[in-house]
Amino acid sequence: MSLSRRSVLTGTAAALGTLALPGAAAAITARDWSRAVIDSTMKRYTPASIGGWSYPLGLYFYGQYLFYRRTKERKYLDYVVAWYDRFITADGVSNSFSSLDSMRACQMLPLLYNETGDAKYRKAADQLRRRFETYPRTSDGGMWHAVSRQHQLWGDGVYMAQPFLALYGKVFNDPEYCYEESAKNLSVYFGHLKEPAKGLIYHAYDESGTQSWATGPGKHSSFHWARAIGWFGMAAIDILEVLPADHPRRAELVGIVKFLAEGYRRFQDPRTGRWYQVVDHGGDAGNWLETSASSMYAFTVSRAIERGYLPASYASVAQRGYAGVLQKVSVGADGLTNIADICEGTNVGDLNFYFARRRLTNDFHGLGAFLIMNEQFVR
């Protein structure tokens, strides 16, 4: 099923109406929220002041790049290039890549090479590609979350590295290693983190079993943190965009998407269309509805329907999720756009730890996830 712009806007307007937001159904068709978010961010920051090399900014700039690809307005790409050129020189990039988090911003390198033809982006991408050959792994091949996080696999880690690796294989003709390694990592992580009874994944796994949160028989943490599950879904979708139709792991990755989508549908908040910070504890005092993960879930379900991984019966999940995220978007007195209730960066913890994480406005975890979602719905 292909979700046209008209069908998406019609369905989302209906969802907004169901959520009883005065005037919201009309508002969705009246404003390009990707443009509003990006223009507001560009007014708040220059490429020099927006921040250093990090995975949240890598996520954000990928979202801005998707908007550029839709509009073809060069100033939006130029801003992205100006930020990357703070770090990428003729010698490549100065980075030891000692964590998966440090790799996420490299997702843009093959894309910038295609856009500009500048060899420095290929050189930097080659540096990360070579790092995978020595990067530490669990005994079954899962890449550690960080060199300092020995033996640990975190659900968010797959999105930081594996979509880059798959895209590198496609752009630079290195498919045999890159396709297999990226897809294999999703499989390994999923095997350790999944909870079949709920259609969810745990936040983290420790092969050594030495972490305080990994003392049970599965050596995994105890809770289902929303954004980790969102990262995982988007990683599966992005790798499937690259894997050829006859790749032996393709059906397995489609199965992962179906597994996650069933969990998304089961735990979607019926009142708001969003999802909770700890997904399956919606009734607990202190839990709260989180915007970045909700964006990720809506994107994943919508793209999965479009690609035929999910039946059309999931469309209401995607549309209500999109509508629910739009409830958290507002315009301030200064005319700039704000997105609220975004969880800060998060380690592994207990239930109260997740509940107590700061709820930020305009954090780049949320802005980037919002842009990726919005471009899926309006392109």
Protein backbone atom coordinates (compact mmCIF):
# COMPACT_ATOMS: atom_id res chain seq x y z
CA MET A 1 0.00 0.00 0.00
CA SER A 2 1.42 3.39 -0.97
CA LEU A 3 0.41 6.25 1.31
CA SER A 4 -0.11 9.25 -0.91
CA ARG A 5 0.18 12.79 0.47
CA ARG A 6 -3.58 13.20 0.09
CA SER A 7 -4.39 9.95 1.91
CA VAL A 8 -1.91 10.72 4.67
CA LEU A 9 -3.22 14.22 5.25
CA THR A 10 -6.81 13.06 5.12
CA GLY A 11 -6.14 10.20 7.52
CA THR A 12 -4.09 12.35 9.87
CA ALA A 13 -6.66 15.12 9.87
CA ALA A 14 -9.25 12.52 10.83
CA ALA A 15 -6.96 11.27 13.58
CA LEU A 16 -6.47 14.78 14.87
CA GLY A 17 -10.21 15.23 14.88
CA THR A 18 -10.59 11.99 16.83
CA LEU A 19 -8.09 13.34 19.35
CA ALA A 20 -10.37 16.35 19.76
CA LEU A 21 -7.92 19.13 19.06
CA PRO A 22 -9.69 22.38 18.14
CA GLY A 23 -8.59 23.49 14.68
CA ALA A 24 -5.82 20.90 14.46
CA ALA A 25 -7.25 19.01 11.51
CA ALA A 26 -7.12 22.18 9.42
CA ALA A 27 -3.68 23.12 10.72
CA ILE A 28 -2.05 19.94 9.44
CA THR A 29 -2.79 20.86 5.84
CA ALA A 30 -1.78 24.50 6.25
CA ARG A 31 1.87 24.33 7.32
CA ASP A 32 5.00 22.47 6.32
CA TRP A 33 6.23 21.56 9.77
CA SER A 34 9.59 20.30 8.52
CA ARG A 35 10.31 23.74 7.09
CA ALA A 36 9.10 25.40 10.27
CA VAL A 37 11.33 23.26 12.49
CA ILE A 38 14.40 23.64 10.28
CA ASP A 39 13.98 27.38 9.74
CA SER A 40 13.58 27.84 13.49
CA THR A 41 16.70 25.80 14.19
CA MET A 42 18.72 27.71 11.60
CA LYS A 43 17.62 30.99 13.22
CA ARG A 44 18.64 29.74 16.65
CA TYR A 45 22.04 28.42 15.61
CA THR A 46 24.71 28.85 13.00
CA PRO A 47 26.57 25.75 11.78
CA ALA A 48 29.40 26.83 14.09
CA SER A 49 27.25 27.25 17.20
CA ILE A 50 24.77 24.37 16.90
CA GLY A 51 27.09 21.90 18.64
CA GLY A 52 29.90 19.42 18.16
CA TRP A 53 30.12 15.97 16.61
CA SER A 54 27.37 13.85 18.16
CA TYR A 55 24.73 11.30 17.29
CA PRO A 56 21.75 13.61 18.04
CA LEU A 57 23.08 16.17 15.57
CA GLY A 58 23.83 13.42 13.09
CA LEU A 59 20.20 12.38 13.39
CA TYR A 60 19.00 15.96 13.02
CA PHE A 61 21.10 16.68 9.93
CA TYR A 62 19.88 13.51 8.26
CA GLY A 63 16.34 14.79 8.81
CA GLN A 64 17.25 18.18 7.34
CA TYR A 65 18.83 16.40 4.39
CA LEU A 66 15.58 14.54 3.71
CA PHE A 67 13.78 17.89 3.64
CA TYR A 68 16.37 19.23 1.20
CA ARG A 69 15.84 16.21 -1.04
CA ARG A 70 12.13 16.99 -1.16
CA THR A 71 12.41 20.73 -1.74
CA LYS A 72 15.76 20.96 -3.61
CA GLU A 73 16.37 24.30 -1.86
CA ARG A 74 20.15 24.52 -1.72
CA LYS A 75 20.46 26.61 1.43
CA TYR A 76 19.31 23.67 3.51
CA LEU A 77 22.05 21.41 2.14
CA ASP A 78 24.63 24.21 2.43
CA TYR A 79 23.91 24.48 6.15
CA VAL A 80 24.46 20.74 6.59
CA VAL A 81 27.69 20.87 4.57
CA ALA A 82 28.96 23.81 6.62
CA TRP A 83 28.52 21.82 9.82
CA TYR A 84 30.22 18.70 8.46
CA ASP A 85 33.10 20.75 7.09
CA ARG A 86 33.98 21.70 10.65
CA PHE A 87 35.08 18.08 11.09
CA ILE A 88 35.80 16.64 7.63
CA THR A 89 39.02 17.79 5.92
CA ALA A 90 41.10 16.57 3.02
CA ASP A 91 42.62 14.10 5.51
CA GLY A 92 39.22 12.67 6.43
CA VAL A 93 37.86 12.81 9.97
CA SER A 94 39.79 12.80 13.24
CA ASN A 95 37.88 10.25 15.30
CA SER A 96 38.84 6.98 16.94
CA PHE A 97 35.25 5.66 16.70
CA SER A 98 35.40 4.10 20.15
CA SER A 99 31.61 3.88 20.43
CA LEU A 100 28.67 3.24 18.15
CA ASP A 101 27.29 6.64 19.15
CA SER A 102 30.32 8.32 17.56
CA MET A 103 29.44 6.71 14.23
CA ARG A 104 25.88 7.98 13.68
CA ALA A 105 26.85 11.31 12.15
CA CYS A 106 28.76 9.39 9.46
CA GLN A 107 25.44 8.32 7.92
CA MET A 108 25.59 11.56 5.94
CA LEU A 109 29.07 10.94 4.46
CA PRO A 110 28.01 8.74 1.51
CA LEU A 111 25.10 11.10 0.89
CA LEU A 112 27.32 14.20 0.94
CA TYR A 113 29.75 12.45 -1.39
CA ASN A 114 26.89 11.81 -3.82
CA GLU A 115 25.68 15.41 -3.53
CA THR A 116 29.07 17.14 -3.87
CA GLY A 117 31.49 14.66 -5.40
CA ASP A 118 34.06 15.80 -2.85
CA ALA A 119 36.55 13.00 -2.17
CA LYS A 120 37.03 14.02 1.47
CA TYR A 121 33.62 12.60 2.37
CA ARG A 122 34.56 9.26 0.82
CA LYS A 123 37.86 9.30 2.67
CA ALA A 124 36.14 9.89 6.00
CA ALA A 125 33.58 7.18 5.24
CA ASP A 126 36.42 4.78 4.37
CA GLN A 127 37.97 5.44 7.76
CA LEU A 128 34.84 4.30 9.56
CA ARG A 129 34.43 1.32 7.22
CA ARG A 130 37.93 0.12 8.16
CA ARG A 131 37.15 0.58 11.86
CA PHE A 132 34.45 -2.09 11.71
CA GLU A 133 37.09 -4.73 11.00
CA THR A 134 38.70 -4.21 14.44
CA TYR A 135 35.72 -2.97 16.45
CA PRO A 136 35.06 -5.28 19.47
CA ARG A 137 32.12 -7.68 19.40
CA THR A 138 30.33 -10.23 21.53
CA SER A 139 31.08 -13.89 20.90
CA ASP A 140 28.16 -14.07 18.44
CA GLY A 141 29.19 -10.97 16.51
CA GLY A 142 27.22 -8.11 18.06
CA MET A 143 29.13 -4.83 18.13
CA TRP A 144 29.66 -3.54 21.67
CA HIS A 145 27.84 -0.32 22.43
CA ALA A 146 31.22 1.23 23.20
CA VAL A 147 34.77 0.10 23.84
CA SER A 148 34.15 1.23 27.42
CA ARG A 149 30.86 -0.75 27.54
CA GLN A 150 32.50 -4.12 27.25
CA HIS A 151 30.26 -7.03 26.18
CA GLN A 152 27.16 -4.79 26.13
CA LEU A 153 24.56 -4.48 23.35
CA TRP A 154 22.11 -1.59 23.65
CA GLY A 155 19.00 -1.43 21.49
CA ASP A 156 19.81 2.12 20.42
CA GLY A 157 23.26 1.07 19.18
CA VAL A 158 22.11 -0.59 15.99
CA TYR A 159 20.83 2.69 14.56
CA MET A 160 24.11 4.43 15.28
CA ALA A 161 26.23 2.20 13.06
CA GLN A 162 24.39 -0.35 10.94
CA PRO A 163 22.44 1.93 8.54
CA PHE A 164 25.73 3.66 7.71
CA LEU A 165 27.39 0.34 7.01
CA ALA A 166 24.58 -0.81 4.71
CA LEU A 167 24.53 2.52 2.86
CA TYR A 168 28.31 2.48 2.51
CA GLY A 169 28.07 -0.93 0.89
CA LYS A 170 25.56 0.36 -1.65
CA VAL A 171 27.22 3.69 -2.51
CA PHE A 172 30.80 2.44 -2.59
CA ASN A 173 30.18 -1.05 -4.00
CA ASP A 174 31.09 -3.08 -0.93
CA PRO A 175 27.91 -5.11 -0.54
CA GLU A 176 29.12 -8.53 0.54
CA TYR A 177 30.60 -7.44 3.87
CA CYS A 178 28.44 -4.41 4.55
CA TYR A 179 25.04 -5.93 3.88
CA GLU A 180 25.74 -9.11 5.85
CA GLU A 181 27.38 -7.36 8.80
CA SER A 182 24.67 -4.74 9.22
CA ALA A 183 21.81 -7.22 8.94
CA LYS A 184 23.57 -9.78 11.15
CA ASN A 185 23.95 -7.23 13.93
CA LEU A 186 20.23 -6.55 13.98
CA SER A 187 19.64 -10.28 14.20
CA VAL A 188 22.12 -10.78 17.04
CA TYR A 189 20.81 -7.82 19.03
CA PHE A 190 17.22 -8.87 18.49
CA GLY A 191 17.90 -12.39 19.70
CA HIS A 192 19.16 -11.08 23.03
CA LEU A 193 16.73 -8.18 23.55
CA LYS A 194 13.32 -9.35 22.35
CA GLU A 195 10.42 -10.13 24.68
CA PRO A 196 8.00 -12.11 22.50
CA ALA A 197 5.13 -11.94 24.98
CA LYS A 198 4.86 -8.17 24.52
CA GLY A 199 6.32 -7.45 21.09
CA LEU A 200 8.94 -5.22 22.73
CA ILE A 201 12.70 -5.26 23.24
CA TYR A 202 14.67 -4.61 26.40
CA HIS A 203 17.04 -1.67 26.50
CA ALA A 204 20.32 -3.59 26.85
CA TYR A 205 22.13 -6.93 27.15
CA ASP A 206 25.44 -7.78 28.82
CA GLU A 207 27.10 -10.97 27.62
CA SER A 208 29.34 -11.07 30.69
CA GLY A 209 26.41 -10.75 33.09
CA THR A 210 28.46 -8.50 35.36
CA GLN A 211 26.30 -5.37 35.11
CA SER A 212 23.92 -4.81 38.01
CA TRP A 213 21.02 -4.62 35.58
CA ALA A 214 21.93 -7.91 33.81
CA THR A 215 21.74 -10.49 36.57
CA GLY A 216 18.80 -12.51 35.25
CA PRO A 217 19.10 -15.61 33.04
CA GLY A 218 18.77 -13.57 29.84
CA LYS A 219 21.50 -11.12 30.94
CA HIS A 220 19.33 -8.25 29.72
CA SER A 221 17.98 -5.18 31.47
CA SER A 222 14.49 -5.20 32.94
CA PHE A 223 12.57 -2.43 31.16
CA HIS A 224 11.35 -1.40 27.75
CA TRP A 225 12.60 2.14 27.18
CA ALA A 226 10.67 3.72 24.33
CA ARG A 227 13.42 5.36 22.31
CA ALA A 228 15.65 2.28 22.25
CA ILE A 229 12.78 0.43 20.61
CA GLY A 230 12.28 3.32 18.20
CA TRP A 231 15.93 3.35 17.17
CA PHE A 232 15.69 -0.39 16.51
CA GLY A 233 12.66 -0.07 14.28
CA MET A 234 14.19 2.72 12.20
CA ALA A 235 17.44 0.75 11.83
CA ALA A 236 15.55 -2.25 10.44
CA ILE A 237 13.67 -0.02 7.99
CA ASP A 238 16.82 1.78 6.80
CA ILE A 239 18.73 -1.44 6.20
CA LEU A 240 15.78 -2.95 4.35
CA GLU A 241 15.85 0.11 2.06
CA VAL A 242 19.31 -1.01 0.95
CA LEU A 243 19.30 -4.82 1.08
CA PRO A 244 18.58 -6.47 -2.28
CA ALA A 245 15.38 -8.45 -2.62
CA ASP A 246 17.22 -11.77 -2.62
CA HIS A 247 19.43 -11.14 0.42
CA PRO A 248 19.18 -14.15 2.76
CA ARG A 249 18.54 -11.99 5.85
CA ARG A 250 15.86 -9.80 4.29
CA ALA A 251 12.90 -11.91 5.46
CA GLU A 252 14.33 -11.95 8.99
CA LEU A 253 14.50 -8.14 9.11
CA VAL A 254 10.95 -7.86 7.79
CA GLY A 255 9.96 -10.20 10.61
CA ILE A 256 11.61 -7.88 13.13
CA VAL A 257 9.60 -4.95 11.76
CA LYS A 258 6.38 -6.95 12.07
CA PHE A 259 7.27 -7.96 15.63
CA LEU A 260 7.92 -4.36 16.68
CA ALA A 261 4.85 -3.01 14.90
CA GLU A 262 2.60 -5.37 16.83
CA GLY A 263 4.10 -4.04 20.06
CA TYR A 264 3.61 -0.47 18.87
CA ARG A 265 -0.04 -1.18 18.13
CA ARG A 266 -0.60 -2.93 21.45
CA PHE A 267 0.86 -0.17 23.62
CA GLN A 268 -0.19 2.98 21.73
CA ASP A 269 -1.96 5.35 24.10
CA PRO A 270 -5.59 5.47 22.92
CA ARG A 271 -6.13 9.02 24.16
CA THR A 272 -3.14 10.79 22.56
CA GLY A 273 -1.84 8.41 19.90
CA ARG A 274 1.66 8.63 21.42
CA TRP A 275 3.73 6.15 23.44
CA TYR A 276 5.05 6.18 26.98
CA GLN A 277 8.65 6.61 28.09
CA VAL A 278 8.54 3.07 29.49
CA VAL A 279 6.26 1.58 26.90
CA ASP A 280 4.37 -1.05 28.89
CA HIS A 281 3.95 0.95 32.11
CA GLY A 282 1.42 3.48 30.83
CA GLY A 283 -0.66 3.40 34.00
CA ASP A 284 2.23 4.08 36.38
CA ALA A 285 2.49 7.38 38.20
CA GLY A 286 5.52 9.25 36.94
CA ASN A 287 5.52 7.75 33.47
CA TRP A 288 5.02 10.17 30.59
CA LEU A 289 4.34 10.29 26.87
CA GLU A 290 7.58 10.79 24.95
CA THR A 291 7.81 12.59 21.61
CA SER A 292 10.96 11.29 19.92
CA ALA A 293 10.03 7.62 20.27
CA SER A 294 6.48 8.36 19.16
CA SER A 295 7.90 9.96 16.01
CA MET A 296 10.08 6.91 15.37
CA TYR A 297 7.20 4.49 15.79
CA ALA A 298 4.93 6.46 13.46
CA PHE A 299 7.68 6.60 10.83
CA THR A 300 8.46 2.91 11.07
CA VAL A 301 4.85 1.80 10.75
CA SER A 302 4.12 4.17 7.88
CA ARG A 303 7.18 3.14 5.86
CA ALA A 304 6.50 -0.53 6.58
CA ILE A 305 2.99 -0.19 5.18
CA GLU A 306 4.33 1.62 2.12
CA ARG A 307 6.87 -1.13 1.46
CA GLY A 308 4.37 -3.93 2.00
CA TYR A 309 5.87 -5.28 5.22
CA LEU A 310 2.64 -4.52 7.10
CA PRO A 311 -1.00 -4.68 6.03
CA ALA A 312 -3.08 -1.55 5.54
CA SER A 313 -4.86 -2.26 8.82
CA TYR A 314 -1.88 -0.63 10.57
CA ALA A 315 -2.52 2.74 8.87
CA SER A 316 -4.52 4.05 11.82
CA VAL A 317 -1.56 3.33 14.14
CA ALA A 318 0.73 5.43 11.97
CA GLN A 319 -1.77 8.24 11.45
CA ARG A 320 -2.75 8.49 15.10
CA GLY A 321 0.92 8.44 16.05
CA TYR A 322 1.67 11.26 13.64
CA ALA A 323 -1.32 13.23 14.87
CA GLY A 324 -0.25 12.68 18.45
CA VAL A 325 3.26 14.00 17.82
CA LEU A 326 1.83 17.08 16.13
CA GLN A 327 0.09 17.86 19.42
CA LYS A 328 3.53 18.53 20.90
CA VAL A 329 4.47 21.08 18.23
CA SER A 330 3.79 24.74 18.93
CA VAL A 331 4.87 28.19 17.78
CA GLY A 332 6.27 30.59 20.38
CA ALA A 333 5.77 34.33 20.73
CA ASP A 334 9.04 34.76 18.78
CA GLY A 335 7.52 32.96 15.81
CA LEU A 336 9.84 29.97 16.19
CA THR A 337 8.65 26.38 16.35
CA ASN A 338 9.00 24.26 19.50
CA ILE A 339 8.67 20.51 20.04
CA ALA A 340 8.16 19.42 23.65
CA ASP A 341 8.50 16.32 25.85
CA ILE A 342 11.68 14.89 24.37
CA CYS A 343 13.68 12.58 26.62
CA GLU A 344 17.31 13.52 27.17
CA GLY A 345 20.10 11.04 26.37
CA THR A 346 19.68 8.00 28.58
CA ASN A 347 21.74 5.18 30.04
CA VAL A 348 20.36 1.87 31.31
CA GLY A 349 18.50 2.13 34.61
CA ASP A 350 15.59 1.11 36.76
CA LEU A 351 11.99 2.19 36.34
CA ASN A 352 12.29 5.39 38.37
CA PHE A 353 15.44 6.33 36.48
CA TYR A 354 13.55 6.32 33.17
CA PHE A 355 10.59 8.18 34.66
CA ALA A 356 12.89 10.89 36.06
CA ARG A 357 14.72 11.67 32.83
CA ARG A 358 14.43 15.31 31.83
CA ARG A 359 11.64 16.25 29.43
CA LEU A 360 13.28 18.67 27.05
CA THR A 361 12.02 21.05 24.37
CA ASN A 362 13.82 21.18 21.00
CA ASP A 363 16.35 18.53 21.95
CA PHE A 364 17.91 17.16 18.76
CA HIS A 365 16.86 13.58 19.51
CA GLY A 366 13.31 14.81 19.05
CA LEU A 367 13.87 17.31 16.24
CA GLY A 368 15.68 14.73 14.13
CA ALA A 369 13.10 12.02 14.75
CA PHE A 370 10.31 14.49 13.99
CA LEU A 371 11.85 15.47 10.64
CA ILE A 372 12.35 11.86 9.57
CA MET A 373 8.74 11.12 10.48
CA ASN A 374 7.31 14.24 8.89
CA GLU A 375 9.15 13.70 5.63
CA GLN A 376 7.68 10.21 5.46
CA PHE A 377 4.16 11.58 5.85
CA VAL A 378 4.28 14.62 3.55
CA ARG A 379 6.65 13.73 0.72
